[in-house]
């Protein structure tokens, strides 16, 4: 493996849609010194709808939608993120960048976006943070890297005991039930549920607009714990878990596999369905066991990217 000092960020380009104005991911990547580019020329919601109809009808000349800035880019390595990604785009990218290394990099569970089995070009690597998806689709395993630039610099006066900020994803009923239970136990909560897509915001009365990542971090800074309610059966370590441990915030989760996470400690994680919900106040009062910089370093974005670039081998499961 190369020395970390040889890690050349200028040789790497990340391709990912800009999902909203002030996209936190693109902003963070630029702060970390990486080059990013959007895959398509859908610069506003109207154009994005037209493009999605075009792609959905499988109309010809899809390359008319591809961002011309990609052709001008001379990176040696391309990380292509899964949101809104298509097989056609990846094959086009391979034709344009014959000598480049291309990694299809999943930050989400398979299902919402591209199916890795549909990509038959073996020269394009497939990576995911989810061990179950890696097993099912024969992908390489990597952890979710946390953006060090988003680490909370100063904790604020505690306002909430537990917060949840996220999209519905079929969890709303469970979230409301859990919030009622927590409120009955005397805890102050802030649950903000947004629609899966912005155009669905009027479908449910309780839907709230998506807030910026900066606004979310401000909420996190004045909370004792964050709730990470995952779909049944999902066992991966997610970004919510990393947000908690990097910022010294407690995490309440229904992921029983968190017990196998290297950074698990009963003072950091409360597991719904295993830990006694009636003792959650005791959990919140317990001092958060400090995590060393060396332990956290393995899960920083730079470290994860460095290992993916220089080893080409999958990581050990973060749960073991």
C-alpha atoms as a PDB file:
ATOM      1  CA  UNK A   1       0.000   0.000   0.000  1.00  0.00           C
ATOM      2  CA  UNK A   2       1.202   3.510  -0.744  1.00  0.00           C
ATOM      3  CA  UNK A   3       2.058   5.877   2.039  1.00  0.00           C
ATOM      4  CA  UNK A   4      -0.845   8.155   2.952  1.00  0.00           C
ATOM      5  CA  UNK A   5       1.279  11.169   2.016  1.00  0.00           C
ATOM      6  CA  UNK A   6       1.056   9.976  -1.611  1.00  0.00           C
ATOM      7  CA  UNK A   7      -2.728  10.281  -1.574  1.00  0.00           C
ATOM      8  CA  UNK A   8      -3.432  12.660  -4.483  1.00  0.00           C
ATOM      9  CA  UNK A   9      -6.957  14.072  -4.301  1.00  0.00           C
ATOM     10  CA  UNK A  10      -6.551  15.888  -7.618  1.00  0.00           C
ATOM     11  CA  UNK A  11      -6.567  12.514  -9.403  1.00  0.00           C
ATOM     12  CA  UNK A  12     -10.027  11.672  -8.031  1.00  0.00           C
ATOM     13  CA  UNK A  13     -13.434  12.851  -9.220  1.00  0.00           C
ATOM     14  CA  UNK A  14     -16.767  12.143  -7.518  1.00  0.00           C
ATOM     15  CA  UNK A  15     -19.933  12.021  -9.610  1.00  0.00           C
ATOM     16  CA  UNK A  16     -23.210  12.553  -7.774  1.00  0.00           C
ATOM     17  CA  UNK A  17     -26.420  14.539  -8.382  1.00  0.00           C
ATOM     18  CA  UNK A  18     -26.901  17.782  -6.508  1.00  0.00           C
ATOM     19  CA  UNK A  19     -30.112  16.807  -4.752  1.00  0.00           C
ATOM     20  CA  UNK A  20     -31.038  20.270  -3.517  1.00  0.00           C
ATOM     21  CA  UNK A  21     -29.704  23.817  -3.366  1.00  0.00           C
ATOM     22  CA  UNK A  22     -26.772  23.976  -0.987  1.00  0.00           C
ATOM     23  CA  UNK A  23     -26.299  20.198  -1.175  1.00  0.00           C
ATOM     24  CA  UNK A  24     -24.416  19.242   2.002  1.00  0.00           C
ATOM     25  CA  UNK A  25     -22.520  16.400   0.316  1.00  0.00           C
ATOM     26  CA  UNK A  26     -21.058  18.493  -2.514  1.00  0.00           C
ATOM     27  CA  UNK A  27     -20.216  21.286  -0.077  1.00  0.00           C
ATOM     28  CA  UNK A  28     -18.430  18.889   2.266  1.00  0.00           C
ATOM     29  CA  UNK A  29     -16.472  17.172  -0.502  1.00  0.00           C
ATOM     30  CA  UNK A  30     -15.190  20.524  -1.717  1.00  0.00           C
ATOM     31  CA  UNK A  31     -14.213  21.487   1.835  1.00  0.00           C
ATOM     32  CA  UNK A  32     -12.324  18.188   2.078  1.00  0.00           C
ATOM     33  CA  UNK A  33     -10.448  19.065  -1.133  1.00  0.00           C
ATOM     34  CA  UNK A  34     -12.151  16.744  -3.623  1.00  0.00           C
ATOM     35  CA  UNK A  35     -13.373  17.434  -7.147  1.00  0.00           C
ATOM     36  CA  UNK A  36     -17.105  16.789  -7.668  1.00  0.00           C
ATOM     37  CA  UNK A  37     -19.351  16.954 -10.709  1.00  0.00           C
ATOM     38  CA  UNK A  38     -23.040  16.267 -11.307  1.00  0.00           C
ATOM     39  CA  UNK A  39     -23.879  13.502 -13.834  1.00  0.00           C
ATOM     40  CA  UNK A  40     -26.738  15.203 -15.689  1.00  0.00           C
ATOM     41  CA  UNK A  41     -27.706  18.576 -17.114  1.00  0.00           C
ATOM     42  CA  UNK A  42     -30.960  18.729 -15.110  1.00  0.00           C
ATOM     43  CA  UNK A  43     -30.157  22.010 -13.398  1.00  0.00           C
ATOM     44  CA  UNK A  44     -33.665  22.576 -11.998  1.00  0.00           C
ATOM     45  CA  UNK A  45     -36.712  20.548 -10.938  1.00  0.00           C
ATOM     46  CA  UNK A  46     -38.502  20.951 -14.278  1.00  0.00           C
ATOM     47  CA  UNK A  47     -35.497  19.678 -16.238  1.00  0.00           C
ATOM     48  CA  UNK A  48     -35.050  16.815 -13.799  1.00  0.00           C
ATOM     49  CA  UNK A  49     -38.667  15.711 -14.315  1.00  0.00           C
ATOM     50  CA  UNK A  50     -38.201  15.827 -18.103  1.00  0.00           C
ATOM     51  CA  UNK A  51     -34.988  13.809 -17.831  1.00  0.00           C
ATOM     52  CA  UNK A  52     -36.592  11.180 -15.592  1.00  0.00           C
ATOM     53  CA  UNK A  53     -39.481  10.798 -18.071  1.00  0.00           C
ATOM     54  CA  UNK A  54     -36.940  10.516 -20.910  1.00  0.00           C
ATOM     55  CA  UNK A  55     -34.988   7.837 -19.080  1.00  0.00           C
ATOM     56  CA  UNK A  56     -38.146   6.079 -17.867  1.00  0.00           C
ATOM     57  CA  UNK A  57     -39.445   5.756 -21.444  1.00  0.00           C
ATOM     58  CA  UNK A  58     -36.012   4.506 -22.519  1.00  0.00           C
ATOM     59  CA  UNK A  59     -35.817   7.116 -25.260  1.00  0.00           C
ATOM     60  CA  UNK A  60     -32.669   7.252 -27.427  1.00  0.00           C
ATOM     61  CA  UNK A  61     -29.861   9.784 -27.121  1.00  0.00           C
ATOM     62  CA  UNK A  62     -29.705   9.669 -23.319  1.00  0.00           C
ATOM     63  CA  UNK A  63     -26.180  11.029 -23.613  1.00  0.00           C
ATOM     64  CA  UNK A  64     -27.708  14.418 -24.488  1.00  0.00           C
ATOM     65  CA  UNK A  65     -28.476  14.704 -20.775  1.00  0.00           C
ATOM     66  CA  UNK A  66     -24.968  13.841 -19.592  1.00  0.00           C
ATOM     67  CA  UNK A  67     -22.923  16.671 -18.121  1.00  0.00           C
ATOM     68  CA  UNK A  68     -20.294  17.768 -20.704  1.00  0.00           C
ATOM     69  CA  UNK A  69     -17.953  18.785 -17.873  1.00  0.00           C
ATOM     70  CA  UNK A  70     -17.284  15.083 -17.287  1.00  0.00           C
ATOM     71  CA  UNK A  71     -15.638  14.737 -20.694  1.00  0.00           C
ATOM     72  CA  UNK A  72     -13.320  17.620 -19.841  1.00  0.00           C
ATOM     73  CA  UNK A  73     -12.314  16.055 -16.531  1.00  0.00           C
ATOM     74  CA  UNK A  74      -8.950  14.256 -16.513  1.00  0.00           C
ATOM     75  CA  UNK A  75      -9.183  12.309 -13.266  1.00  0.00           C
ATOM     76  CA  UNK A  76      -7.652   8.857 -12.997  1.00  0.00           C
ATOM     77  CA  UNK A  77     -10.293   7.550 -10.587  1.00  0.00           C
ATOM     78  CA  UNK A  78     -14.058   8.150 -10.669  1.00  0.00           C
ATOM     79  CA  UNK A  79     -16.317   7.447  -7.710  1.00  0.00           C
ATOM     80  CA  UNK A  80     -19.881   7.288  -9.051  1.00  0.00           C
ATOM     81  CA  UNK A  81     -22.502   7.532  -6.304  1.00  0.00           C
ATOM     82  CA  UNK A  82     -25.733   5.542  -6.581  1.00  0.00           C
ATOM     83  CA  UNK A  83     -28.495   8.237  -6.391  1.00  0.00           C
ATOM     84  CA  UNK A  84     -30.273   8.582  -9.784  1.00  0.00           C
ATOM     85  CA  UNK A  85     -27.534   6.526 -11.429  1.00  0.00           C
ATOM     86  CA  UNK A  86     -28.169   4.351 -14.506  1.00  0.00           C
ATOM     87  CA  UNK A  87     -26.329   1.535 -16.258  1.00  0.00           C
ATOM     88  CA  UNK A  88     -26.353   3.539 -19.502  1.00  0.00           C
ATOM     89  CA  UNK A  89     -24.486   6.394 -17.839  1.00  0.00           C
ATOM     90  CA  UNK A  90     -21.843   4.076 -16.373  1.00  0.00           C
ATOM     91  CA  UNK A  91     -21.239   2.369 -19.717  1.00  0.00           C
ATOM     92  CA  UNK A  92     -20.960   5.791 -21.380  1.00  0.00           C
ATOM     93  CA  UNK A  93     -18.458   6.849 -18.722  1.00  0.00           C
ATOM     94  CA  UNK A  94     -16.397   3.712 -19.356  1.00  0.00           C
ATOM     95  CA  UNK A  95     -16.298   4.473 -23.097  1.00  0.00           C
ATOM     96  CA  UNK A  96     -15.228   8.060 -22.412  1.00  0.00           C
ATOM     97  CA  UNK A  97     -12.665   7.138 -19.745  1.00  0.00           C
ATOM     98  CA  UNK A  98     -11.141   3.935 -21.072  1.00  0.00           C
ATOM     99  CA  UNK A  99      -8.049   4.039 -18.854  1.00  0.00           C
ATOM    100  CA  UNK A 100      -9.669   5.346 -15.679  1.00  0.00           C
ATOM    101  CA  UNK A 101     -10.623   3.346 -12.637  1.00  0.00           C
ATOM    102  CA  UNK A 102     -14.394   3.559 -12.026  1.00  0.00           C
ATOM    103  CA  UNK A 103     -16.126   2.655  -8.773  1.00  0.00           C
ATOM    104  CA  UNK A 104     -19.910   2.455  -8.411  1.00  0.00           C
ATOM    105  CA  UNK A 105     -20.177   3.495  -4.767  1.00  0.00           C
ATOM    106  CA  UNK A 106     -23.417   2.808  -2.874  1.00  0.00           C
ATOM    107  CA  UNK A 107     -24.261   5.089   0.043  1.00  0.00           C
ATOM    108  CA  UNK A 108     -27.827   3.711   0.097  1.00  0.00           C
ATOM    109  CA  UNK A 109     -29.392   0.272   0.212  1.00  0.00           C
ATOM    110  CA  UNK A 110     -29.939  -1.383  -3.147  1.00  0.00           C
ATOM    111  CA  UNK A 111     -33.524  -0.929  -4.283  1.00  0.00           C
ATOM    112  CA  UNK A 112     -34.133   2.787  -4.509  1.00  0.00           C
ATOM    113  CA  UNK A 113     -31.647   3.332  -7.329  1.00  0.00           C
ATOM    114  CA  UNK A 114     -29.545   1.259  -9.717  1.00  0.00           C
ATOM    115  CA  UNK A 115     -29.440  -2.541  -9.381  1.00  0.00           C
ATOM    116  CA  UNK A 116     -25.777  -3.645  -9.382  1.00  0.00           C
ATOM    117  CA  UNK A 117     -26.696  -6.939 -11.074  1.00  0.00           C
ATOM    118  CA  UNK A 118     -27.783  -4.959 -14.142  1.00  0.00           C
ATOM    119  CA  UNK A 119     -24.225  -3.694 -14.595  1.00  0.00           C
ATOM    120  CA  UNK A 120     -22.335  -6.449 -16.394  1.00  0.00           C
ATOM    121  CA  UNK A 121     -19.097  -4.551 -17.096  1.00  0.00           C
ATOM    122  CA  UNK A 122     -16.603  -6.203 -14.743  1.00  0.00           C
ATOM    123  CA  UNK A 123     -14.114  -3.345 -15.185  1.00  0.00           C
ATOM    124  CA  UNK A 124     -16.383  -1.151 -13.044  1.00  0.00           C
ATOM    125  CA  UNK A 125     -15.976  -1.925  -9.344  1.00  0.00           C
ATOM    126  CA  UNK A 126     -19.003  -2.120  -7.057  1.00  0.00           C
ATOM    127  CA  UNK A 127     -18.775  -1.012  -3.430  1.00  0.00           C
ATOM    128  CA  UNK A 128     -21.347  -0.679  -0.630  1.00  0.00           C
ATOM    129  CA  UNK A 129     -21.478   0.074   3.100  1.00  0.00           C
ATOM    130  CA  UNK A 130     -24.137  -2.605   3.629  1.00  0.00           C
ATOM    131  CA  UNK A 131     -22.810  -6.134   4.363  1.00  0.00           C
ATOM    132  CA  UNK A 132     -26.049  -7.834   3.299  1.00  0.00           C
ATOM    133  CA  UNK A 133     -26.108  -6.024  -0.055  1.00  0.00           C
ATOM    134  CA  UNK A 134     -22.433  -6.861  -0.562  1.00  0.00           C
ATOM    135  CA  UNK A 135     -23.182 -10.544  -0.027  1.00  0.00           C
ATOM    136  CA  UNK A 136     -26.277 -10.580  -2.238  1.00  0.00           C
ATOM    137  CA  UNK A 137     -24.811  -8.572  -5.127  1.00  0.00           C
ATOM    138  CA  UNK A 138     -21.152  -9.578  -4.852  1.00  0.00           C
ATOM    139  CA  UNK A 139     -19.893  -6.087  -4.000  1.00  0.00           C
ATOM    140  CA  UNK A 140     -16.902  -4.927  -1.982  1.00  0.00           C
ATOM    141  CA  UNK A 141     -17.533  -3.729   1.565  1.00  0.00           C
ATOM    142  CA  UNK A 142     -16.516  -0.304   2.880  1.00  0.00           C
ATOM    143  CA  UNK A 143     -17.651   1.820   5.831  1.00  0.00           C
ATOM    144  CA  UNK A 144     -19.490   5.104   5.486  1.00  0.00           C
ATOM    145  CA  UNK A 145     -16.858   7.805   5.866  1.00  0.00           C
ATOM    146  CA  UNK A 146     -17.821  10.738   8.088  1.00  0.00           C
ATOM    147  CA  UNK A 147     -17.189  14.313   6.992  1.00  0.00           C
ATOM    148  CA  UNK A 148     -14.710  15.691   9.512  1.00  0.00           C
ATOM    149  CA  UNK A 149     -15.619  19.232   8.440  1.00  0.00           C
ATOM    150  CA  UNK A 150     -19.141  18.696   9.807  1.00  0.00           C
ATOM    151  CA  UNK A 151     -18.046  17.690  13.275  1.00  0.00           C
ATOM    152  CA  UNK A 152     -19.884  19.878  15.805  1.00  0.00           C
ATOM    153  CA  UNK A 153     -17.436  22.439  17.149  1.00  0.00           C
ATOM    154  CA  UNK A 154     -19.412  23.517  20.197  1.00  0.00           C
ATOM    155  CA  UNK A 155     -22.252  21.854  22.087  1.00  0.00           C
ATOM    156  CA  UNK A 156     -25.199  24.069  22.973  1.00  0.00           C
ATOM    157  CA  UNK A 157     -27.607  24.178  25.877  1.00  0.00           C
ATOM    158  CA  UNK A 158     -29.699  21.007  25.748  1.00  0.00           C
ATOM    159  CA  UNK A 159     -33.222  21.620  24.450  1.00  0.00           C
ATOM    160  CA  UNK A 160     -34.310  18.131  23.377  1.00  0.00           C
ATOM    161  CA  UNK A 161     -33.747  14.706  24.864  1.00  0.00           C
ATOM    162  CA  UNK A 162     -34.185  12.856  21.563  1.00  0.00           C
ATOM    163  CA  UNK A 163     -34.514  14.052  17.974  1.00  0.00           C
ATOM    164  CA  UNK A 164     -35.412  12.386  14.693  1.00  0.00           C
ATOM    165  CA  UNK A 165     -34.949  14.129  11.350  1.00  0.00           C
ATOM    166  CA  UNK A 166     -35.508  12.135   8.191  1.00  0.00           C
ATOM    167  CA  UNK A 167     -37.724  11.028   5.354  1.00  0.00           C
ATOM    168  CA  UNK A 168     -40.807   8.887   5.864  1.00  0.00           C
ATOM    169  CA  UNK A 169     -39.667   5.669   4.119  1.00  0.00           C
ATOM    170  CA  UNK A 170     -42.701   3.900   5.582  1.00  0.00           C
ATOM    171  CA  UNK A 171     -41.583   4.570   9.163  1.00  0.00           C
ATOM    172  CA  UNK A 172     -44.040   7.309  10.163  1.00  0.00           C
ATOM    173  CA  UNK A 173     -46.458   5.119  12.129  1.00  0.00           C
ATOM    174  CA  UNK A 174     -43.642   3.483  14.114  1.00  0.00           C
ATOM    175  CA  UNK A 175     -42.068   6.875  14.730  1.00  0.00           C
ATOM    176  CA  UNK A 176     -45.277   8.338  16.142  1.00  0.00           C
ATOM    177  CA  UNK A 177     -45.807   5.298  18.374  1.00  0.00           C
ATOM    178  CA  UNK A 178     -42.270   5.533  19.699  1.00  0.00           C
ATOM    179  CA  UNK A 179     -42.517   9.286  20.215  1.00  0.00           C
ATOM    180  CA  UNK A 180     -45.689   8.812  22.282  1.00  0.00           C
ATOM    181  CA  UNK A 181     -43.904   6.234  24.436  1.00  0.00           C
ATOM    182  CA  UNK A 182     -40.930   8.529  24.964  1.00  0.00           C
ATOM    183  CA  UNK A 183     -43.177  11.466  25.835  1.00  0.00           C
ATOM    184  CA  UNK A 184     -45.034   9.317  28.374  1.00  0.00           C
ATOM    185  CA  UNK A 185     -41.662   8.604  29.985  1.00  0.00           C
ATOM    186  CA  UNK A 186     -41.191  12.356  30.418  1.00  0.00           C
ATOM    187  CA  UNK A 187     -38.750  12.918  27.562  1.00  0.00           C
ATOM    188  CA  UNK A 188     -38.817  15.965  25.307  1.00  0.00           C
ATOM    189  CA  UNK A 189     -38.667  14.990  21.647  1.00  0.00           C
ATOM    190  CA  UNK A 190     -38.385  16.686  18.268  1.00  0.00           C
ATOM    191  CA  UNK A 191     -39.472  14.462  15.379  1.00  0.00           C
ATOM    192  CA  UNK A 192     -39.397  15.988  11.898  1.00  0.00           C
ATOM    193  CA  UNK A 193     -40.652  13.705   9.118  1.00  0.00           C
ATOM    194  CA  UNK A 194     -40.275  14.709   5.464  1.00  0.00           C
ATOM    195  CA  UNK A 195     -41.762  13.061   2.350  1.00  0.00           C
ATOM    196  CA  UNK A 196     -39.651  10.655   0.316  1.00  0.00           C
ATOM    197  CA  UNK A 197     -39.833  13.118  -2.599  1.00  0.00           C
ATOM    198  CA  UNK A 198     -40.331  16.883  -2.353  1.00  0.00           C
ATOM    199  CA  UNK A 199     -43.350  16.852  -4.681  1.00  0.00           C
ATOM    200  CA  UNK A 200     -45.185  14.637  -2.134  1.00  0.00           C
ATOM    201  CA  UNK A 201     -44.993  17.260   0.611  1.00  0.00           C
ATOM    202  CA  UNK A 202     -48.767  17.875   0.609  1.00  0.00           C
ATOM    203  CA  UNK A 203     -49.686  14.178   0.785  1.00  0.00           C
ATOM    204  CA  UNK A 204     -49.582  13.991   4.606  1.00  0.00           C
ATOM    205  CA  UNK A 205     -50.398  16.766   7.058  1.00  0.00           C
ATOM    206  CA  UNK A 206     -47.432  15.912   9.266  1.00  0.00           C
ATOM    207  CA  UNK A 207     -44.860  16.186   6.466  1.00  0.00           C
ATOM    208  CA  UNK A 208     -42.320  18.952   7.003  1.00  0.00           C
ATOM    209  CA  UNK A 209     -39.926  20.474   4.467  1.00  0.00           C
ATOM    210  CA  UNK A 210     -36.424  19.021   4.332  1.00  0.00           C
ATOM    211  CA  UNK A 211     -33.980  21.131   6.330  1.00  0.00           C
ATOM    212  CA  UNK A 212     -30.360  21.793   5.442  1.00  0.00           C
ATOM    213  CA  UNK A 213     -27.609  19.678   6.946  1.00  0.00           C
ATOM    214  CA  UNK A 214     -26.343  22.737   8.817  1.00  0.00           C
ATOM    215  CA  UNK A 215     -29.781  23.162  10.394  1.00  0.00           C
ATOM    216  CA  UNK A 216     -29.793  19.486  11.309  1.00  0.00           C
ATOM    217  CA  UNK A 217     -26.401  19.805  13.010  1.00  0.00           C
ATOM    218  CA  UNK A 218     -27.706  22.766  15.010  1.00  0.00           C
ATOM    219  CA  UNK A 219     -30.526  20.538  16.287  1.00  0.00           C
ATOM    220  CA  UNK A 220     -28.053  17.758  17.033  1.00  0.00           C
ATOM    221  CA  UNK A 221     -25.840  20.141  19.018  1.00  0.00           C
ATOM    222  CA  UNK A 222     -28.662  20.867  21.464  1.00  0.00           C
ATOM    223  CA  UNK A 223     -29.892  17.282  21.844  1.00  0.00           C
ATOM    224  CA  UNK A 224     -28.912  14.465  24.154  1.00  0.00           C
ATOM    225  CA  UNK A 225     -29.598  11.687  21.665  1.00  0.00           C
ATOM    226  CA  UNK A 226     -30.515  11.033  18.044  1.00  0.00           C
ATOM    227  CA  UNK A 227     -32.938   8.329  16.901  1.00  0.00           C
ATOM    228  CA  UNK A 228     -31.909   6.025  14.064  1.00  0.00           C
ATOM    229  CA  UNK A 229     -34.966   3.942  13.154  1.00  0.00           C
ATOM    230  CA  UNK A 230     -33.939   1.545  10.404  1.00  0.00           C
ATOM    231  CA  UNK A 231     -36.006  -0.709   8.106  1.00  0.00           C
ATOM    232  CA  UNK A 232     -36.597  -4.184   9.511  1.00  0.00           C
ATOM    233  CA  UNK A 233     -33.701  -6.498   8.746  1.00  0.00           C
ATOM    234  CA  UNK A 234     -31.121  -3.808   7.957  1.00  0.00           C
ATOM    235  CA  UNK A 235     -27.951  -4.354   9.958  1.00  0.00           C
ATOM    236  CA  UNK A 236     -25.405  -1.947   8.452  1.00  0.00           C
ATOM    237  CA  UNK A 237     -23.725   0.865  10.352  1.00  0.00           C
ATOM    238  CA  UNK A 238     -25.248   4.044   8.915  1.00  0.00           C
ATOM    239  CA  UNK A 239     -24.316   7.711   8.711  1.00  0.00           C
ATOM    240  CA  UNK A 240     -26.612   8.486  11.664  1.00  0.00           C
ATOM    241  CA  UNK A 241     -24.505   6.169  13.826  1.00  0.00           C
ATOM    242  CA  UNK A 242     -21.311   7.925  12.735  1.00  0.00           C
ATOM    243  CA  UNK A 243     -22.841  11.365  13.291  1.00  0.00           C
ATOM    244  CA  UNK A 244     -23.572  10.330  16.857  1.00  0.00           C
ATOM    245  CA  UNK A 245     -20.193   8.863  17.790  1.00  0.00           C
ATOM    246  CA  UNK A 246     -18.160  11.611  16.090  1.00  0.00           C
ATOM    247  CA  UNK A 247     -20.084  14.277  17.978  1.00  0.00           C
ATOM    248  CA  UNK A 248     -20.346  12.552  21.341  1.00  0.00           C
ATOM    249  CA  UNK A 249     -24.138  12.286  21.003  1.00  0.00           C
ATOM    250  CA  UNK A 250     -25.982   9.199  22.182  1.00  0.00           C
ATOM    251  CA  UNK A 251     -27.818   7.091  19.604  1.00  0.00           C
ATOM    252  CA  UNK A 252     -31.084   5.208  20.001  1.00  0.00           C
ATOM    253  CA  UNK A 253     -31.512   2.530  17.344  1.00  0.00           C
ATOM    254  CA  UNK A 254     -33.507  -0.578  16.486  1.00  0.00           C
ATOM    255  CA  UNK A 255     -30.457  -2.151  14.818  1.00  0.00           C
ATOM    256  CA  UNK A 256     -29.509  -5.059  17.083  1.00  0.00           C
ATOM    257  CA  UNK A 257     -26.322  -5.603  15.037  1.00  0.00           C
ATOM    258  CA  UNK A 258     -24.939  -2.359  16.474  1.00  0.00           C
ATOM    259  CA  UNK A 259     -23.686  -4.467  19.393  1.00  0.00           C
ATOM    260  CA  UNK A 260     -21.061  -5.906  17.056  1.00  0.00           C
ATOM    261  CA  UNK A 261     -19.884  -2.451  15.950  1.00  0.00           C
ATOM    262  CA  UNK A 262     -16.299  -1.813  17.040  1.00  0.00           C
ATOM    263  CA  UNK A 263     -17.294   1.477  18.658  1.00  0.00           C
ATOM    264  CA  UNK A 264     -20.365   0.128  20.423  1.00  0.00           C
ATOM    265  CA  UNK A 265     -20.642   0.838  24.131  1.00  0.00           C
ATOM    266  CA  UNK A 266     -23.817   0.736  26.259  1.00  0.00           C
ATOM    267  CA  UNK A 267     -23.221   4.384  27.183  1.00  0.00           C
ATOM    268  CA  UNK A 268     -23.323   5.329  23.478  1.00  0.00           C
ATOM    269  CA  UNK A 269     -26.072   3.169  21.983  1.00  0.00           C
ATOM    270  CA  UNK A 270     -29.530   2.184  23.242  1.00  0.00           C
ATOM    271  CA  UNK A 271     -31.074  -0.721  21.327  1.00  0.00           C
ATOM    272  CA  UNK A 272     -34.866  -0.702  21.018  1.00  0.00           C
ATOM    273  CA  UNK A 273     -36.232  -4.187  21.571  1.00  0.00           C
ATOM    274  CA  UNK A 274     -33.209  -5.307  23.587  1.00  0.00           C
ATOM    275  CA  UNK A 275     -32.624  -2.586  26.166  1.00  0.00           C
ATOM    276  CA  UNK A 276     -35.438  -1.825  28.611  1.00  0.00           C
ATOM    277  CA  UNK A 277     -37.321   1.205  27.283  1.00  0.00           C
ATOM    278  CA  UNK A 278     -38.356   2.076  30.845  1.00  0.00           C
ATOM    279  CA  UNK A 279     -34.670   2.623  31.644  1.00  0.00           C
ATOM    280  CA  UNK A 280     -33.982   4.972  28.760  1.00  0.00           C
ATOM    281  CA  UNK A 281     -33.717   7.907  31.173  1.00  0.00           C
ATOM    282  CA  UNK A 282     -30.864   6.081  32.914  1.00  0.00           C
ATOM    283  CA  UNK A 283     -29.173   5.637  29.534  1.00  0.00           C
ATOM    284  CA  UNK A 284     -29.466   9.346  28.759  1.00  0.00           C
ATOM    285  CA  UNK A 285     -28.066  10.297  32.161  1.00  0.00           C
ATOM    286  CA  UNK A 286     -25.094   7.941  31.840  1.00  0.00           C
ATOM    287  CA  UNK A 287     -21.834   9.621  30.810  1.00  0.00           C
ATOM    288  CA  UNK A 288     -20.875   9.068  27.158  1.00  0.00           C
ATOM    289  CA  UNK A 289     -17.681   6.980  27.098  1.00  0.00           C
ATOM    290  CA  UNK A 290     -15.084   9.040  25.245  1.00  0.00           C
ATOM    291  CA  UNK A 291     -13.743   7.708  21.938  1.00  0.00           C
ATOM    292  CA  UNK A 292     -10.102   8.330  21.065  1.00  0.00           C
ATOM    293  CA  UNK A 293      -9.081  10.210  17.922  1.00  0.00           C
ATOM    294  CA  UNK A 294      -7.249   7.091  16.772  1.00  0.00           C
ATOM    295  CA  UNK A 295     -10.447   5.033  16.931  1.00  0.00           C
ATOM    296  CA  UNK A 296     -12.463   7.664  15.074  1.00  0.00           C
ATOM    297  CA  UNK A 297      -9.756   8.170  12.463  1.00  0.00           C
ATOM    298  CA  UNK A 298     -10.582   4.844  10.773  1.00  0.00           C
ATOM    299  CA  UNK A 299     -14.058   6.131   9.915  1.00  0.00           C
ATOM    300  CA  UNK A 300     -13.152   9.563   8.573  1.00  0.00           C
ATOM    301  CA  UNK A 301     -13.924  10.151   4.911  1.00  0.00           C
ATOM    302  CA  UNK A 302     -10.285  10.659   3.891  1.00  0.00           C
ATOM    303  CA  UNK A 303      -9.236   7.379   5.491  1.00  0.00           C
ATOM    304  CA  UNK A 304     -12.038   5.425   3.818  1.00  0.00           C
ATOM    305  CA  UNK A 305     -11.327   6.899   0.373  1.00  0.00           C
ATOM    306  CA  UNK A 306      -7.589   6.404   0.814  1.00  0.00           C
ATOM    307  CA  UNK A 307      -8.071   2.707   1.553  1.00  0.00           C
ATOM    308  CA  UNK A 308     -10.500   2.206  -1.334  1.00  0.00           C
ATOM    309  CA  UNK A 309      -8.088   3.903  -3.734  1.00  0.00           C
ATOM    310  CA  UNK A 310      -4.928   2.154  -2.596  1.00  0.00           C
ATOM    311  CA  UNK A 311      -5.980  -1.348  -1.622  1.00  0.00           C
ATOM    312  CA  UNK A 312      -8.765  -2.306  -4.073  1.00  0.00           C
ATOM    313  CA  UNK A 313      -9.762  -4.851  -1.414  1.00  0.00           C
ATOM    314  CA  UNK A 314     -12.871  -4.787   0.687  1.00  0.00           C
ATOM    315  CA  UNK A 315     -12.764  -3.697   4.317  1.00  0.00           C
ATOM    316  CA  UNK A 316     -13.468  -5.896   7.289  1.00  0.00           C
ATOM    317  CA  UNK A 317     -17.081  -5.664   8.433  1.00  0.00           C
ATOM    318  CA  UNK A 318     -17.258  -2.687  10.806  1.00  0.00           C
ATOM    319  CA  UNK A 319     -19.625  -4.733  12.953  1.00  0.00           C
ATOM    320  CA  UNK A 320     -16.869  -7.243  13.808  1.00  0.00           C
END
